[in-house]
Amino acid sequence: MNELKYYIRYPDSYREGDVCPVILFLHGAGSRGSDLSVLESNPYFTITQKHAGFPFITVAPQCPAENTWFDVFQQLKALAEKTAEASFTDPDRLYLMGASMGGYATWQLSMSLPHLFAAVVPICGGGMYWNAGRMCHIPVWAFHGARDETVRPEESEKMVEAINRRGGTAKLTVYPENAHDAWSDTYKNPEVFAWLLEHAKATGSLEKDDFSGSKKFG
């Protein structure tokens, strides 16, 4: 299994040996490839570098060209676990954020590895809402554009509703004038990153779903 290439950005104040909050960032389809410089010009990095005193280390894997995150999902899971164990990572403050194709992967990775993340920010994505109970102990702040024709806002709505129905804590911000680009306004908002820092990893038992029985559920 080939490891994913990834780009790391450190805070300006970082010194070797520091332990920091970490964001695992998952880009959308437009940043796929084998050239990590493409990631450096991703809106996440160009926008958040303007935030004064941005305290996070960001680890950003790159999905190979023509693939989706689901084609390399085992490698993505391995990188998430590697990031959680990195010497620079505060193990209680590993966060997950992704947009579009990366928003879908953010939902799925959270459900696959719910014990890793302190909070997650899925942007204009969607997921298997019937399985969202696995995220009940993870705070979620999702974002979507009301005029999004690429990924309908109902995709985020269903996920947030499913988590809250199972007793979790999820909220959704819908930008009324935005189409698919719900990420730029999210990255610009310092409150999003302050909200992340309010959360440390919770301990809790894994929620089980109620979808048993092949005759009824396949």
Protein backbone atom coordinates (compact mmCIF):
# COMPACT_ATOMS: atom_id res chain seq x y z
CA MET A 1 0.00 0.00 0.00
CA ASN A 2 1.57 3.27 -1.13
CA GLU A 3 1.48 6.10 1.37
CA LEU A 4 -0.23 9.32 0.40
CA LYS A 5 1.89 12.37 -0.21
CA TYR A 6 1.10 15.16 2.19
CA TYR A 7 1.94 18.78 2.87
CA ILE A 8 2.47 20.14 6.38
CA ARG A 9 2.22 23.76 7.43
CA TYR A 10 3.43 24.78 10.88
CA PRO A 11 2.45 27.88 12.86
CA ASP A 12 4.86 30.81 12.62
CA SER A 13 5.62 30.37 16.31
CA TYR A 14 6.38 26.64 16.03
CA ARG A 15 9.63 25.35 17.49
CA GLU A 16 10.91 21.79 17.24
CA GLY A 17 9.48 19.74 20.06
CA ASP A 18 6.28 21.77 20.37
CA VAL A 19 3.00 19.90 20.73
CA CYS A 20 0.15 21.64 18.91
CA PRO A 21 -3.48 21.30 17.90
CA VAL A 22 -3.59 19.72 14.45
CA ILE A 23 -6.06 19.99 11.57
CA LEU A 24 -6.14 17.12 9.10
CA PHE A 25 -7.34 18.88 5.97
CA LEU A 26 -8.93 17.06 3.03
CA HIS A 27 -9.07 19.00 -0.23
CA GLY A 28 -11.66 18.82 -2.97
CA ALA A 29 -11.40 17.35 -6.45
CA GLY A 30 -9.65 20.42 -7.83
CA SER A 31 -6.43 19.82 -5.88
CA ARG A 32 -5.80 16.22 -6.89
CA GLY A 33 -2.50 15.21 -8.43
CA SER A 34 1.13 14.54 -7.54
CA ASP A 35 2.37 18.13 -7.18
CA LEU A 36 2.18 19.27 -3.55
CA SER A 37 2.54 22.90 -4.61
CA VAL A 38 -1.07 22.63 -5.77
CA LEU A 39 -2.04 22.21 -2.13
CA GLU A 40 -0.12 25.31 -1.09
CA SER A 41 -2.35 27.35 -3.39
CA ASN A 42 -5.56 25.70 -2.15
CA PRO A 43 -7.95 28.30 -0.66
CA TYR A 44 -7.59 26.70 2.76
CA PHE A 45 -3.92 27.67 2.90
CA THR A 46 -4.10 31.00 1.09
CA ILE A 47 -6.92 32.18 3.36
CA THR A 48 -5.91 30.79 6.74
CA GLN A 49 -2.33 32.05 6.40
CA LYS A 50 -3.83 35.52 6.82
CA HIS A 51 -5.21 34.67 10.28
CA ALA A 52 -2.98 36.27 12.90
CA GLY A 53 -1.50 33.75 15.31
CA PHE A 54 -3.05 30.74 13.59
CA PRO A 55 -2.12 28.05 16.15
CA PHE A 56 -2.71 24.86 14.18
CA ILE A 57 -0.36 22.53 12.41
CA THR A 58 -2.14 21.48 9.23
CA VAL A 59 -1.52 18.09 7.66
CA ALA A 60 -2.94 17.96 4.14
CA PRO A 61 -2.73 14.71 2.14
CA GLN A 62 -3.07 14.86 -1.63
CA CYS A 63 -5.43 12.55 -3.47
CA PRO A 64 -3.85 11.19 -6.67
CA ALA A 65 -5.16 12.53 -9.97
CA GLU A 66 -8.37 11.00 -11.33
CA ASN A 67 -9.05 9.24 -8.02
CA THR A 68 -11.37 10.09 -5.14
CA TRP A 69 -10.63 9.84 -1.43
CA PHE A 70 -12.63 6.62 -1.42
CA ASP A 71 -10.22 5.01 -3.88
CA VAL A 72 -7.38 5.60 -1.40
CA PHE A 73 -9.39 5.36 1.79
CA GLN A 74 -7.17 2.79 3.51
CA GLN A 75 -4.15 5.03 2.92
CA LEU A 76 -6.13 7.99 4.23
CA LYS A 77 -7.05 6.10 7.39
CA ALA A 78 -3.41 5.12 7.88
CA LEU A 79 -2.30 8.74 7.54
CA ALA A 80 -4.94 9.89 10.02
CA GLU A 81 -3.69 7.36 12.56
CA LYS A 82 -0.08 8.33 11.85
CA THR A 83 -0.96 12.00 12.37
CA ALA A 84 -2.67 11.22 15.67
CA GLU A 85 0.53 9.57 16.90
CA ALA A 86 2.95 12.22 15.58
CA SER A 87 5.23 13.83 18.15
CA PHE A 88 3.90 17.30 17.26
CA THR A 89 0.22 16.36 17.70
CA ASP A 90 -1.73 17.12 20.84
CA PRO A 91 -3.62 13.80 20.93
CA ASP A 92 -6.66 15.48 22.48
CA ARG A 93 -6.81 18.17 19.78
CA LEU A 94 -6.75 16.47 16.40
CA TYR A 95 -9.41 18.04 14.19
CA LEU A 96 -10.74 17.15 10.75
CA MET A 97 -11.86 19.54 8.02
CA GLY A 98 -12.62 19.03 4.34
CA ALA A 99 -14.52 20.55 1.45
CA SER A 100 -16.55 19.07 -1.43
CA MET A 101 -14.92 15.71 -2.23
CA GLY A 102 -13.01 16.28 0.99
CA GLY A 103 -16.28 17.04 2.76
CA TYR A 104 -17.56 13.59 1.85
CA ALA A 105 -14.31 12.08 3.09
CA THR A 106 -14.53 14.10 6.30
CA TRP A 107 -17.88 12.57 7.10
CA GLN A 108 -16.71 9.06 6.23
CA LEU A 109 -13.37 9.27 8.03
CA SER A 110 -15.14 10.53 11.14
CA MET A 111 -17.46 7.54 11.07
CA SER A 112 -14.62 5.12 10.36
CA LEU A 113 -12.24 6.47 13.03
CA PRO A 114 -14.52 8.22 15.53
CA HIS A 115 -12.04 7.76 18.37
CA LEU A 116 -9.42 10.01 16.75
CA PHE A 117 -11.06 13.40 16.37
CA ALA A 118 -11.95 16.13 18.84
CA ALA A 119 -14.24 17.98 16.41
CA VAL A 120 -14.92 18.01 12.67
CA VAL A 121 -15.89 20.58 10.03
CA PRO A 122 -17.41 19.03 6.87
CA ILE A 123 -18.03 21.56 4.09
CA CYS A 124 -20.46 20.96 1.20
CA GLY A 125 -20.25 17.20 1.54
CA GLY A 126 -22.51 14.34 2.53
CA GLY A 127 -22.42 10.83 3.83
CA MET A 128 -24.17 7.68 4.99
CA TYR A 129 -26.54 9.33 7.43
CA TRP A 130 -27.87 5.98 8.60
CA ASN A 131 -24.40 5.42 10.12
CA ALA A 132 -24.08 8.86 11.70
CA GLY A 133 -24.67 7.53 15.21
CA ARG A 134 -20.99 6.63 15.27
CA MET A 135 -20.27 10.36 15.50
CA CYS A 136 -22.51 11.12 18.46
CA HIS A 137 -19.62 12.07 20.74
CA ILE A 138 -17.85 14.26 18.13
CA PRO A 139 -18.90 17.94 17.90
CA VAL A 140 -19.71 18.81 14.28
CA TRP A 141 -20.08 22.17 12.55
CA ALA A 142 -21.08 21.65 8.92
CA PHE A 143 -21.33 24.28 6.18
CA HIS A 144 -23.14 24.40 2.86
CA GLY A 145 -24.27 26.85 0.20
CA ALA A 146 -28.02 27.15 -0.25
CA ARG A 147 -27.59 27.45 -4.03
CA ASP A 148 -25.24 24.50 -4.39
CA GLU A 149 -26.19 22.45 -7.45
CA THR A 150 -23.06 20.28 -7.29
CA VAL A 151 -23.77 18.80 -3.86
CA ARG A 152 -27.26 19.62 -2.68
CA PRO A 153 -27.50 21.19 0.81
CA GLU A 154 -29.84 18.39 1.82
CA GLU A 155 -26.76 16.17 2.01
CA SER A 156 -25.41 18.15 4.96
CA GLU A 157 -28.87 18.56 6.46
CA LYS A 158 -29.45 14.81 6.55
CA MET A 159 -26.13 14.15 8.27
CA VAL A 160 -26.62 16.84 10.92
CA GLU A 161 -30.20 15.74 11.60
CA ALA A 162 -29.13 12.09 11.91
CA ILE A 163 -26.43 12.91 14.45
CA ASN A 164 -28.71 15.07 16.56
CA ARG A 165 -31.50 12.51 16.41
CA ARG A 166 -29.12 10.04 18.00
CA GLY A 167 -28.22 12.48 20.79
CA GLY A 168 -25.10 14.01 19.24
CA THR A 169 -24.05 17.64 18.90
CA ALA A 170 -24.04 18.87 15.32
CA LYS A 171 -24.92 22.20 13.76
CA LEU A 172 -25.20 23.44 10.19
CA THR A 173 -24.55 26.88 8.73
CA VAL A 174 -26.09 27.46 5.30
CA TYR A 175 -24.86 30.46 3.32
CA PRO A 176 -27.99 31.77 1.56
CA GLU A 177 -26.20 33.29 -1.45
CA ASN A 178 -23.44 30.69 -1.95
CA ALA A 179 -23.36 28.00 -4.60
CA HIS A 180 -20.81 25.20 -4.26
CA ASP A 181 -18.11 27.39 -2.74
CA ALA A 182 -19.03 27.21 0.93
CA TRP A 183 -15.37 26.85 1.87
CA SER A 184 -13.98 30.36 1.31
CA ASP A 185 -16.36 31.99 3.79
CA THR A 186 -15.71 29.18 6.25
CA TYR A 187 -11.93 29.50 6.08
CA LYS A 188 -12.22 33.29 6.47
CA ASN A 189 -14.22 33.00 9.67
CA PRO A 190 -11.98 33.02 12.77
CA GLU A 191 -14.93 31.81 14.85
CA VAL A 192 -14.71 28.44 13.13
CA PHE A 193 -11.16 27.90 14.35
CA ALA A 194 -11.92 29.29 17.80
CA TRP A 195 -14.79 26.79 17.97
CA LEU A 196 -12.42 23.94 17.15
CA LEU A 197 -10.13 24.92 20.01
CA GLU A 198 -13.05 24.82 22.42
CA HIS A 199 -13.16 21.06 22.00
CA ALA A 200 -10.86 18.35 23.28
CA LYS A 201 -11.30 14.70 22.40
CA ALA A 202 -14.11 13.09 24.34
CA THR A 203 -14.13 9.51 25.49
CA GLY A 204 -17.24 7.49 24.88
CA SER A 205 -18.49 4.17 23.70
CA LEU A 206 -19.03 3.62 20.00
CA GLU A 207 -22.66 4.00 19.02
CA LYS A 208 -24.17 1.00 17.30
CA ASP A 209 -26.71 1.32 14.52
CA ASP A 210 -30.07 -0.43 14.35
CA PHE A 211 -29.73 -1.75 10.81
CA SER A 212 -29.46 -5.48 11.36
CA GLY A 213 -31.26 -8.20 9.49
CA SER A 214 -30.49 -8.94 5.86
CA LYS A 215 -34.14 -9.40 4.89
CA LYS A 216 -34.95 -5.83 5.85
CA PHE A 217 -31.66 -4.01 5.26
CA GLY A 218 -29.85 -6.18 2.73
